[in-house]
Each structure stands twice: as C-alpha cells, then as structure tokens.
Protein backbone atom coordinates (compact mmCIF):
# COMPACT_ATOMS: atom_id res chain seq x y z
CA GLN A 1 45.26 -46.82 65.18
CA VAL A 2 46.29 -44.90 68.34
CA GLN A 3 43.75 -43.97 71.36
CA LEU A 4 44.47 -41.22 73.69
CA VAL A 5 43.06 -40.59 76.79
CA GLU A 6 44.07 -37.55 79.21
CA SER A 7 43.90 -36.67 82.73
CA GLY A 8 45.08 -34.78 84.84
CA GLY A 9 42.79 -31.79 85.11
CA GLY A 10 40.76 -29.33 87.44
CA LEU A 11 40.71 -25.99 89.22
CA VAL A 12 43.56 -24.11 90.50
CA GLN A 13 44.40 -21.20 92.15
CA ALA A 14 46.73 -18.88 89.97
CA GLY A 15 50.01 -19.37 90.28
CA GLY A 16 49.68 -22.59 91.10
CA SER A 17 50.56 -26.37 89.08
CA LEU A 18 49.41 -28.98 87.18
CA ARG A 19 50.84 -32.00 85.31
CA LEU A 20 48.68 -33.07 82.39
CA SER A 21 48.56 -36.52 81.82
CA CYS A 22 47.54 -38.82 78.16
CA ALA A 23 48.17 -42.35 77.57
CA ALA A 24 48.09 -43.84 74.49
CA SER A 25 47.23 -46.85 73.06
CA GLY A 26 49.39 -49.12 70.55
CA ARG A 27 52.95 -50.56 70.10
CA THR A 28 54.04 -47.58 68.11
CA PHE A 29 53.86 -45.08 70.63
CA SER A 30 57.78 -43.78 70.48
CA ARG A 31 57.33 -43.02 66.57
CA TYR A 32 54.65 -40.59 67.01
CA THR A 33 54.96 -36.90 68.25
CA MET A 34 53.10 -36.09 70.65
CA GLY A 35 51.31 -33.02 70.92
CA TRP A 36 48.85 -30.92 73.45
CA PHE A 37 46.48 -28.15 72.49
CA ARG A 38 43.86 -25.79 73.98
CA GLN A 39 40.94 -24.32 73.40
CA ALA A 40 39.84 -21.51 75.75
CA PRO A 41 35.60 -20.73 75.47
CA GLY A 42 35.09 -18.78 72.68
CA LYS A 43 38.25 -19.18 70.95
CA GLU A 44 39.95 -21.52 68.50
CA ARG A 45 42.10 -24.53 69.31
CA GLU A 46 46.01 -23.37 69.54
CA PHE A 47 49.14 -25.34 70.08
CA VAL A 48 50.46 -25.67 72.81
CA ALA A 49 53.60 -27.43 72.73
CA ALA A 50 55.00 -30.68 70.94
CA MET A 51 57.38 -33.30 71.34
CA THR A 52 58.74 -35.53 68.31
CA TRP A 53 60.47 -38.89 68.69
CA SER A 54 63.46 -37.97 68.97
CA ASP A 55 62.47 -35.53 71.09
CA THR A 56 62.83 -31.98 69.82
CA THR A 57 60.30 -30.09 71.65
CA VAL A 58 58.55 -26.42 70.99
CA TYR A 59 56.31 -24.77 73.42
CA THR A 60 54.15 -21.98 71.88
CA ASP A 61 55.28 -17.75 73.54
CA SER A 62 52.98 -17.73 76.47
CA VAL A 63 54.00 -20.88 78.00
CA LYS A 64 57.73 -21.31 77.55
CA GLY A 65 59.75 -21.46 80.80
CA ARG A 66 55.88 -21.93 82.21
CA PHE A 67 55.29 -25.48 80.38
CA THR A 68 57.29 -28.24 79.79
CA ILE A 69 56.30 -31.61 78.38
CA SER A 70 57.85 -34.67 78.46
CA ARG A 71 57.12 -38.12 77.98
CA ASP A 72 57.84 -41.94 78.94
CA ASN A 73 57.58 -44.40 76.27
CA ALA A 74 57.71 -47.48 78.41
CA LYS A 75 54.35 -46.27 79.44
CA ASN A 76 53.02 -44.84 76.47
CA THR A 77 52.47 -41.55 78.25
CA VAL A 78 53.06 -38.06 77.71
CA TYR A 79 52.71 -35.31 80.35
CA LEU A 80 52.40 -31.64 80.26
CA GLN A 81 53.82 -30.05 83.46
CA MET A 82 52.34 -26.95 83.60
CA ASN A 83 53.37 -24.31 86.47
CA SER A 84 52.96 -20.76 86.87
CA LEU A 85 49.50 -20.95 85.43
CA LYS A 86 47.24 -17.62 84.96
CA PHE A 87 44.01 -17.57 84.60
CA GLU A 88 44.42 -17.08 80.62
CA ASP A 89 45.46 -20.76 80.19
CA THR A 90 42.16 -21.81 81.11
CA ALA A 91 41.09 -24.22 78.47
CA VAL A 92 40.26 -27.51 77.19
CA TYR A 93 43.25 -29.28 76.80
CA TYR A 94 43.77 -31.99 73.96
CA CYS A 95 46.54 -34.38 73.82
CA ALA A 96 47.41 -35.58 70.48
CA ALA A 97 49.44 -37.75 68.11
CA ALA A 98 50.96 -37.23 64.52
CA ASP A 99 52.98 -39.36 62.63
CA SER A 100 55.63 -36.94 61.29
CA GLU A 101 58.14 -34.39 62.92
CA TYR A 102 57.73 -31.75 60.81
CA ASN A 103 55.35 -28.99 60.84
CA ILE A 104 54.57 -29.35 64.71
CA ILE A 105 52.70 -26.71 65.19
CA TRP A 106 49.96 -27.13 63.06
CA GLN A 107 46.96 -29.59 63.78
CA ARG A 108 46.20 -30.90 60.53
CA ILE A 109 49.16 -33.35 61.10
CA TYR A 110 47.98 -35.06 63.62
CA GLY A 111 45.53 -37.62 62.92
CA TYR A 112 44.63 -38.58 66.32
CA TRP A 113 43.22 -37.14 69.30
CA GLY A 114 41.81 -37.21 72.65
CA GLN A 115 38.67 -36.45 74.12
CA GLY A 116 40.53 -33.34 76.40
CA THR A 117 40.71 -32.18 80.12
CA GLN A 118 39.42 -29.18 81.40
CA VAL A 119 41.81 -26.11 83.42
CA THR A 120 39.85 -23.83 84.70
CA VAL A 121 42.09 -21.57 86.98
CA SER A 122 41.25 -19.02 88.97
CA SER A 123 42.15 -15.44 89.32
C-alpha cells in the first residue's frame, strides 16, 4: 500500500516557476514508477510526466523543455519542477504510483493516487 501527498501548488504569474513535491509512504518507493498528471477545469485528466524506477523519464509534448521530473528515493519523494509556466498549465496536479515500468503514460497502470494540488497561472 502506498499513500501519496502532494504539495507545492499555488498561484504564479505566467513565466514563473513552481516545484511540486509528492511524498510517498511505504518502504518500496524506489521500485515504483512515479507519474504526474493534471486536470484542467472542464477537461479530462491528462499525463504530464513520469519516471520509472530505473530513471527513465517521459514527458508530454506541451511541457518538454519546461518541466523536469525527479525523485529522491532516500526521501520517498518525487518532484516536478515547472518553469516558464503558461496560463494553460493551470490545473489540479496529481501524483501517482505504479508498479510497472511499461505504458507509463497510461493512467490505468497507476494504482495509487494523491489528492492533488492546485496550480494556477495568471496571464
């Protein structure tokens, strides 16, 4: 069982930066694929970024070059550094964990989800 708690969301001006954190419980954090997803108002939840236990990373096209996912296994924490934020990045951001390193952009492989943290980018 894994419990996930996100933090770091807030209000930022366009062009600014935020770093989201996701703290995970459990002793096997290092063996999980960790993902970030987001849901904007009136839209479906979508994939943002993921990192496997072997440090393979994947990003959705719209955030490449601006967002960076990283993990600290000693702290059971995964991060999402978000730079050059745009109005369209406004969403609730969710952290998720999966015990697979395949198809990591698919929501259905993630069995554990956090409650989400709001990111609002003002234009």
